[in-house]
Amino acid sequence: MVTRPDSRDSPHLFGLGLKEMLTDEITSDLRATRDQALAAAQRLKRPTTLRLVSKGIRYGSITANPDGSVDTS
């Protein structure tokens, strides 16, 4: 059995493994959006705000600053 190094190898009882895979995908999507916002803020040298959306679910927005900090409020 091949596993990913970041997985917890949860049992696939009652669909729990599938739920964990979905949360991993959503987390990856949101982190990618954060990284895009940070790259844009540093390139443009001004705060950049992007919407946080994954799998059709809206999670608000994130503002990245040119200094590398983020505002998730």
PDB file of N, CA and C in Angstrom:
ATOM      1  N   MET A   1       0.843  -1.172   0.000  1.00  0.00           N
ATOM      2  CA  MET A   1       0.000   0.000   0.000  1.00  0.00           C
ATOM      3  C   MET A   1       0.897   1.246   0.000  1.00  0.00           C
ATOM      4  N   VAL A   2       0.631   2.161  -0.904  1.00  0.00           N
ATOM      5  CA  VAL A   2       1.397   3.390  -0.995  1.00  0.00           C
ATOM      6  C   VAL A   2       0.621   4.497  -0.300  1.00  0.00           C
ATOM      7  N   THR A   3       1.312   5.232   0.569  1.00  0.00           N
ATOM      8  CA  THR A   3       0.657   6.340   1.261  1.00  0.00           C
ATOM      9  C   THR A   3       1.454   7.609   1.034  1.00  0.00           C
ATOM     10  N   ARG A   4       0.762   8.714   1.153  1.00  0.00           N
ATOM     11  CA  ARG A   4       1.430  10.005   1.058  1.00  0.00           C
ATOM     12  C   ARG A   4       2.073  10.302   2.403  1.00  0.00           C
ATOM     13  N   PRO A   5       3.216  10.982   2.395  1.00  0.00           N
ATOM     14  CA  PRO A   5       3.868  11.272   3.675  1.00  0.00           C
ATOM     15  C   PRO A   5       3.068  12.185   4.593  1.00  0.00           C
ATOM     16  N   ASP A   6       2.140  12.998   4.036  1.00  0.00           N
ATOM     17  CA  ASP A   6       1.378  13.905   4.886  1.00  0.00           C
ATOM     18  C   ASP A   6       0.018  13.340   5.302  1.00  0.00           C
ATOM     19  N   SER A   7      -0.249  12.089   4.950  1.00  0.00           N
ATOM     20  CA  SER A   7      -1.552  11.521   5.322  1.00  0.00           C
ATOM     21  C   SER A   7      -1.444  10.830   6.678  1.00  0.00           C
ATOM     22  N   ARG A   8      -2.576  10.690   7.324  1.00  0.00           N
ATOM     23  CA  ARG A   8      -2.590  10.045   8.633  1.00  0.00           C
ATOM     24  C   ARG A   8      -3.013   8.598   8.531  1.00  0.00           C
ATOM     25  N   ASP A   9      -3.242   8.105   7.326  1.00  0.00           N
ATOM     26  CA  ASP A   9      -3.671   6.722   7.109  1.00  0.00           C
ATOM     27  C   ASP A   9      -4.923   6.388   7.899  1.00  0.00           C
ATOM     28  N   SER A  10      -5.917   7.264   7.819  1.00  0.00           N
ATOM     29  CA  SER A  10      -7.154   7.003   8.534  1.00  0.00           C
ATOM     30  C   SER A  10      -7.877   5.823   7.888  1.00  0.00           C
ATOM     31  N   PRO A  11      -8.635   5.096   8.657  1.00  0.00           N
ATOM     32  CA  PRO A  11      -9.363   3.957   8.087  1.00  0.00           C
ATOM     33  C   PRO A  11     -10.461   4.443   7.146  1.00  0.00           C
ATOM     34  N   HIS A  12     -10.772   3.641   6.183  1.00  0.00           N
ATOM     35  CA  HIS A  12     -11.794   4.012   5.204  1.00  0.00           C
ATOM     36  C   HIS A  12     -13.160   3.462   5.601  1.00  0.00           C
ATOM     37  N   LEU A  13     -13.460   3.497   6.888  1.00  0.00           N
ATOM     38  CA  LEU A  13     -14.744   3.032   7.385  1.00  0.00           C
ATOM     39  C   LEU A  13     -15.774   4.133   7.251  1.00  0.00           C
ATOM     40  N   PHE A  14     -16.915   3.791   6.717  1.00  0.00           N
ATOM     41  CA  PHE A  14     -18.039   4.717   6.614  1.00  0.00           C
ATOM     42  C   PHE A  14     -17.678   6.007   5.884  1.00  0.00           C
ATOM     43  N   GLY A  15     -16.748   5.945   4.966  1.00  0.00           N
ATOM     44  CA  GLY A  15     -16.400   7.100   4.160  1.00  0.00           C
ATOM     45  C   GLY A  15     -15.488   8.106   4.828  1.00  0.00           C
ATOM     46  N   LEU A  16     -14.930   7.782   5.988  1.00  0.00           N
ATOM     47  CA  LEU A  16     -14.071   8.738   6.690  1.00  0.00           C
ATOM     48  C   LEU A  16     -12.819   9.065   5.892  1.00  0.00           C
ATOM     49  N   GLY A  17     -12.246   8.088   5.209  1.00  0.00           N
ATOM     50  CA  GLY A  17     -11.060   8.324   4.396  1.00  0.00           C
ATOM     51  C   GLY A  17     -11.351   9.284   3.263  1.00  0.00           C
ATOM     52  N   LEU A  18     -12.527   9.159   2.670  1.00  0.00           N
ATOM     53  CA  LEU A  18     -12.906  10.056   1.579  1.00  0.00           C
ATOM     54  C   LEU A  18     -13.079  11.489   2.076  1.00  0.00           C
ATOM     55  N   LYS A  19     -13.631  11.645   3.261  1.00  0.00           N
ATOM     56  CA  LYS A  19     -13.792  12.991   3.835  1.00  0.00           C
ATOM     57  C   LYS A  19     -12.431  13.614   4.100  1.00  0.00           C
ATOM     58  N   GLU A  20     -11.501  12.809   4.589  1.00  0.00           N
ATOM     59  CA  GLU A  20     -10.166  13.338   4.856  1.00  0.00           C
ATOM     60  C   GLU A  20      -9.482  13.738   3.550  1.00  0.00           C
ATOM     61  N   MET A  21      -9.652  12.953   2.507  1.00  0.00           N
ATOM     62  CA  MET A  21      -9.072  13.303   1.214  1.00  0.00           C
ATOM     63  C   MET A  21      -9.651  14.620   0.703  1.00  0.00           C
ATOM     64  N   LEU A  22     -10.960  14.813   0.878  1.00  0.00           N
ATOM     65  CA  LEU A  22     -11.603  16.052   0.450  1.00  0.00           C
ATOM     66  C   LEU A  22     -11.044  17.247   1.222  1.00  0.00           C
ATOM     67  N   THR A  23     -10.882  17.101   2.526  1.00  0.00           N
ATOM     68  CA  THR A  23     -10.333  18.210   3.307  1.00  0.00           C
ATOM     69  C   THR A  23      -8.890  18.511   2.906  1.00  0.00           C
ATOM     70  N   ASP A  24      -8.127  17.471   2.558  1.00  0.00           N
ATOM     71  CA  ASP A  24      -6.755  17.691   2.068  1.00  0.00           C
ATOM     72  C   ASP A  24      -6.762  18.500   0.778  1.00  0.00           C
ATOM     73  N   GLU A  25      -7.691  18.184  -0.124  1.00  0.00           N
ATOM     74  CA  GLU A  25      -7.784  18.910  -1.392  1.00  0.00           C
ATOM     75  C   GLU A  25      -8.185  20.367  -1.170  1.00  0.00           C
ATOM     76  N   ILE A  26      -9.147  20.589  -0.287  1.00  0.00           N
ATOM     77  CA  ILE A  26      -9.590  21.957   0.009  1.00  0.00           C
ATOM     78  C   ILE A  26      -8.450  22.754   0.631  1.00  0.00           C
ATOM     79  N   THR A  27      -7.746  22.142   1.579  1.00  0.00           N
ATOM     80  CA  THR A  27      -6.619  22.809   2.213  1.00  0.00           C
ATOM     81  C   THR A  27      -5.557  23.182   1.189  1.00  0.00           C
ATOM     82  N   SER A  28      -5.275  22.279   0.276  1.00  0.00           N
ATOM     83  CA  SER A  28      -4.288  22.558  -0.783  1.00  0.00           C
ATOM     84  C   SER A  28      -4.736  23.714  -1.659  1.00  0.00           C
ATOM     85  N   ASP A  29      -6.023  23.738  -2.010  1.00  0.00           N
ATOM     86  CA  ASP A  29      -6.557  24.834  -2.826  1.00  0.00           C
ATOM     87  C   ASP A  29      -6.415  26.179  -2.109  1.00  0.00           C
ATOM     88  N   LEU A  30      -6.763  26.206  -0.823  1.00  0.00           N
ATOM     89  CA  LEU A  30      -6.708  27.457  -0.064  1.00  0.00           C
ATOM     90  C   LEU A  30      -5.268  27.925   0.135  1.00  0.00           C
ATOM     91  N   ARG A  31      -4.367  26.985   0.353  1.00  0.00           N
ATOM     92  CA  ARG A  31      -2.954  27.350   0.484  1.00  0.00           C
ATOM     93  C   ARG A  31      -2.404  27.885  -0.832  1.00  0.00           C
ATOM     94  N   ALA A  32      -2.845  27.307  -1.945  1.00  0.00           N
ATOM     95  CA  ALA A  32      -2.401  27.788  -3.260  1.00  0.00           C
ATOM     96  C   ALA A  32      -2.888  29.214  -3.494  1.00  0.00           C
ATOM     97  N   THR A  33      -4.112  29.510  -3.074  1.00  0.00           N
ATOM     98  CA  THR A  33      -4.638  30.872  -3.196  1.00  0.00           C
ATOM     99  C   THR A  33      -3.815  31.834  -2.343  1.00  0.00           C
ATOM    100  N   ARG A  34      -3.480  31.412  -1.133  1.00  0.00           N
ATOM    101  CA  ARG A  34      -2.626  32.243  -0.265  1.00  0.00           C
ATOM    102  C   ARG A  34      -1.284  32.522  -0.945  1.00  0.00           C
ATOM    103  N   ASP A  35      -0.687  31.491  -1.508  1.00  0.00           N
ATOM    104  CA  ASP A  35       0.606  31.657  -2.182  1.00  0.00           C
ATOM    105  C   ASP A  35       0.501  32.591  -3.387  1.00  0.00           C
ATOM    106  N   GLN A  36      -0.607  32.503  -4.116  1.00  0.00           N
ATOM    107  CA  GLN A  36      -0.826  33.399  -5.259  1.00  0.00           C
ATOM    108  C   GLN A  36      -0.960  34.846  -4.791  1.00  0.00           C
ATOM    109  N   ALA A  37      -1.684  35.044  -3.691  1.00  0.00           N
ATOM    110  CA  ALA A  37      -1.869  36.392  -3.161  1.00  0.00           C
ATOM    111  C   ALA A  37      -0.535  36.974  -2.695  1.00  0.00           C
ATOM    112  N   LEU A  38       0.273  36.153  -2.034  1.00  0.00           N
ATOM    113  CA  LEU A  38       1.575  36.620  -1.573  1.00  0.00           C
ATOM    114  C   LEU A  38       2.483  36.988  -2.742  1.00  0.00           C
ATOM    115  N   ALA A  39       2.491  36.147  -3.768  1.00  0.00           N
ATOM    116  CA  ALA A  39       3.324  36.423  -4.941  1.00  0.00           C
ATOM    117  C   ALA A  39       2.884  37.715  -5.632  1.00  0.00           C
ATOM    118  N   ALA A  40       1.573  37.902  -5.756  1.00  0.00           N
ATOM    119  CA  ALA A  40       1.051  39.116  -6.402  1.00  0.00           C
ATOM    120  C   ALA A  40       1.380  40.359  -5.578  1.00  0.00           C
ATOM    121  N   ALA A  41       1.243  40.266  -4.263  1.00  0.00           N
ATOM    122  CA  ALA A  41       1.526  41.414  -3.396  1.00  0.00           C
ATOM    123  C   ALA A  41       2.993  41.814  -3.484  1.00  0.00           C
ATOM    124  N   GLN A  42       3.872  40.835  -3.515  1.00  0.00           N
ATOM    125  CA  GLN A  42       5.299  41.140  -3.609  1.00  0.00           C
ATOM    126  C   GLN A  42       5.655  41.693  -4.989  1.00  0.00           C
ATOM    127  N   ARG A  43       5.024  41.163  -6.021  1.00  0.00           N
ATOM    128  CA  ARG A  43       5.288  41.632  -7.382  1.00  0.00           C
ATOM    129  C   ARG A  43       4.766  43.054  -7.591  1.00  0.00           C
ATOM    130  N   LEU A  44       3.560  43.321  -7.085  1.00  0.00           N
ATOM    131  CA  LEU A  44       2.925  44.630  -7.272  1.00  0.00           C
ATOM    132  C   LEU A  44       3.330  45.650  -6.215  1.00  0.00           C
ATOM    133  N   LYS A  45       3.961  45.151  -5.145  1.00  0.00           N
ATOM    134  CA  LYS A  45       4.396  46.009  -4.039  1.00  0.00           C
ATOM    135  C   LYS A  45       3.232  46.766  -3.380  1.00  0.00           C
ATOM    136  N   ARG A  46       2.110  46.066  -3.256  1.00  0.00           N
ATOM    137  CA  ARG A  46       0.945  46.621  -2.568  1.00  0.00           C
ATOM    138  C   ARG A  46       0.081  45.463  -2.066  1.00  0.00           C
ATOM    139  N   PRO A  47      -0.745  45.676  -1.063  1.00  0.00           N
ATOM    140  CA  PRO A  47      -1.616  44.600  -0.569  1.00  0.00           C
ATOM    141  C   PRO A  47      -2.516  44.060  -1.686  1.00  0.00           C
ATOM    142  N   THR A  48      -2.696  42.758  -1.675  1.00  0.00           N
ATOM    143  CA  THR A  48      -3.526  42.085  -2.676  1.00  0.00           C
ATOM    144  C   THR A  48      -4.531  41.198  -1.969  1.00  0.00           C
ATOM    145  N   THR A  49      -5.808  41.326  -2.347  1.00  0.00           N
ATOM    146  CA  THR A  49      -6.866  40.523  -1.745  1.00  0.00           C
ATOM    147  C   THR A  49      -7.431  39.558  -2.785  1.00  0.00           C
ATOM    148  N   LEU A  50      -7.541  38.293  -2.384  1.00  0.00           N
ATOM    149  CA  LEU A  50      -8.147  37.271  -3.233  1.00  0.00           C
ATOM    150  C   LEU A  50      -9.240  36.552  -2.451  1.00  0.00           C
ATOM    151  N   ARG A  51     -10.247  36.085  -3.178  1.00  0.00           N
ATOM    152  CA  ARG A  51     -11.310  35.310  -2.546  1.00  0.00           C
ATOM    153  C   ARG A  51     -10.826  33.884  -2.313  1.00  0.00           C
ATOM    154  N   LEU A  52     -11.203  33.328  -1.174  1.00  0.00           N
ATOM    155  CA  LEU A  52     -10.879  31.944  -0.845  1.00  0.00           C
ATOM    156  C   LEU A  52     -12.069  31.069  -1.215  1.00  0.00           C
ATOM    157  N   VAL A  53     -11.908  30.298  -2.295  1.00  0.00           N
ATOM    158  CA  VAL A  53     -12.982  29.437  -2.780  1.00  0.00           C
ATOM    159  C   VAL A  53     -12.386  28.079  -3.132  1.00  0.00           C
ATOM    160  N   SER A  54     -13.050  27.010  -2.716  1.00  0.00           N
ATOM    161  CA  SER A  54     -12.636  25.666  -3.087  1.00  0.00           C
ATOM    162  C   SER A  54     -13.858  24.774  -3.143  1.00  0.00           C
ATOM    163  N   LYS A  55     -13.939  23.989  -4.181  1.00  0.00           N
ATOM    164  CA  LYS A  55     -15.056  23.045  -4.359  1.00  0.00           C
ATOM    165  C   LYS A  55     -16.410  23.743  -4.312  1.00  0.00           C
ATOM    166  N   GLY A  56     -16.450  24.996  -4.769  1.00  0.00           N
ATOM    167  CA  GLY A  56     -17.694  25.745  -4.795  1.00  0.00           C
ATOM    168  C   GLY A  56     -18.102  26.334  -3.458  1.00  0.00           C
ATOM    169  N   ILE A  57     -17.236  26.206  -2.458  1.00  0.00           N
ATOM    170  CA  ILE A  57     -17.524  26.735  -1.125  1.00  0.00           C
ATOM    171  C   ILE A  57     -16.698  27.998  -0.925  1.00  0.00           C
ATOM    172  N   ARG A  58     -17.340  29.055  -0.459  1.00  0.00           N
ATOM    173  CA  ARG A  58     -16.657  30.327  -0.220  1.00  0.00           C
ATOM    174  C   ARG A  58     -16.210  30.402   1.230  1.00  0.00           C
ATOM    175  N   TYR A  59     -14.937  30.727   1.425  1.00  0.00           N
ATOM    176  CA  TYR A  59     -14.368  30.813   2.769  1.00  0.00           C
ATOM    177  C   TYR A  59     -13.969  32.231   3.137  1.00  0.00           C
ATOM    178  N   GLY A  60     -14.426  33.211   2.404  1.00  0.00           N
ATOM    179  CA  GLY A  60     -14.073  34.596   2.683  1.00  0.00           C
ATOM    180  C   GLY A  60     -12.970  35.057   1.764  1.00  0.00           C
ATOM    181  N   SER A  61     -12.054  35.843   2.312  1.00  0.00           N
ATOM    182  CA  SER A  61     -10.961  36.368   1.492  1.00  0.00           C
ATOM    183  C   SER A  61      -9.688  36.421   2.319  1.00  0.00           C
ATOM    184  N   ILE A  62      -8.586  36.623   1.620  1.00  0.00           N
ATOM    185  CA  ILE A  62      -7.286  36.746   2.253  1.00  0.00           C
ATOM    186  C   ILE A  62      -6.582  37.938   1.624  1.00  0.00           C
ATOM    187  N   THR A  63      -5.956  38.735   2.464  1.00  0.00           N
ATOM    188  CA  THR A  63      -5.178  39.876   1.987  1.00  0.00           C
ATOM    189  C   THR A  63      -3.714  39.632   2.296  1.00  0.00           C
ATOM    190  N   ALA A  64      -2.909  39.634   1.256  1.00  0.00           N
ATOM    191  CA  ALA A  64      -1.470  39.444   1.408  1.00  0.00           C
ATOM    192  C   ALA A  64      -0.775  40.791   1.282  1.00  0.00           C
ATOM    193  N   ASN A  65       0.218  41.001   2.097  1.00  0.00           N
ATOM    194  CA  ASN A  65       0.978  42.241   2.083  1.00  0.00           C
ATOM    195  C   ASN A  65       2.366  42.000   1.481  1.00  0.00           C
ATOM    196  N   PRO A  66       2.955  43.041   0.911  1.00  0.00           N
ATOM    197  CA  PRO A  66       4.266  42.877   0.283  1.00  0.00           C
ATOM    198  C   PRO A  66       5.358  42.377   1.229  1.00  0.00           C
ATOM    199  N   ASP A  67       5.191  42.585   2.545  1.00  0.00           N
ATOM    200  CA  ASP A  67       6.200  42.129   3.504  1.00  0.00           C
ATOM    201  C   ASP A  67       6.072  40.636   3.841  1.00  0.00           C
ATOM    202  N   GLY A  68       5.077  39.952   3.237  1.00  0.00           N
ATOM    203  CA  GLY A  68       4.888  38.520   3.456  1.00  0.00           C
ATOM    204  C   GLY A  68       3.854  38.174   4.497  1.00  0.00           C
ATOM    205  N   SER A  69       3.289  39.164   5.161  1.00  0.00           N
ATOM    206  CA  SER A  69       2.239  38.888   6.143  1.00  0.00           C
ATOM    207  C   SER A  69       0.889  38.769   5.444  1.00  0.00           C
ATOM    208  N   VAL A  70      -0.037  38.076   6.123  1.00  0.00           N
ATOM    209  CA  VAL A  70      -1.375  37.905   5.567  1.00  0.00           C
ATOM    210  C   VAL A  70      -2.420  38.298   6.603  1.00  0.00           C
ATOM    211  N   ASP A  71      -3.543  38.790   6.114  1.00  0.00           N
ATOM    212  CA  ASP A  71      -4.680  39.155   6.954  1.00  0.00           C
ATOM    213  C   ASP A  71      -5.823  38.243   6.563  1.00  0.00           C
ATOM    214  N   THR A  72      -6.223  37.364   7.466  1.00  0.00           N
ATOM    215  CA  THR A  72      -7.302  36.430   7.181  1.00  0.00           C
ATOM    216  C   THR A  72      -8.617  36.828   7.847  1.00  0.00           C
ATOM    217  N   SER A  73      -8.643  38.023   8.456  1.00  0.00           N
ATOM    218  CA  SER A  73      -9.866  38.448   9.143  1.00  0.00           C
ATOM    219  C   SER A  73     -10.904  38.774   8.091  1.00  0.00           C
TER     220      SER A  73
END
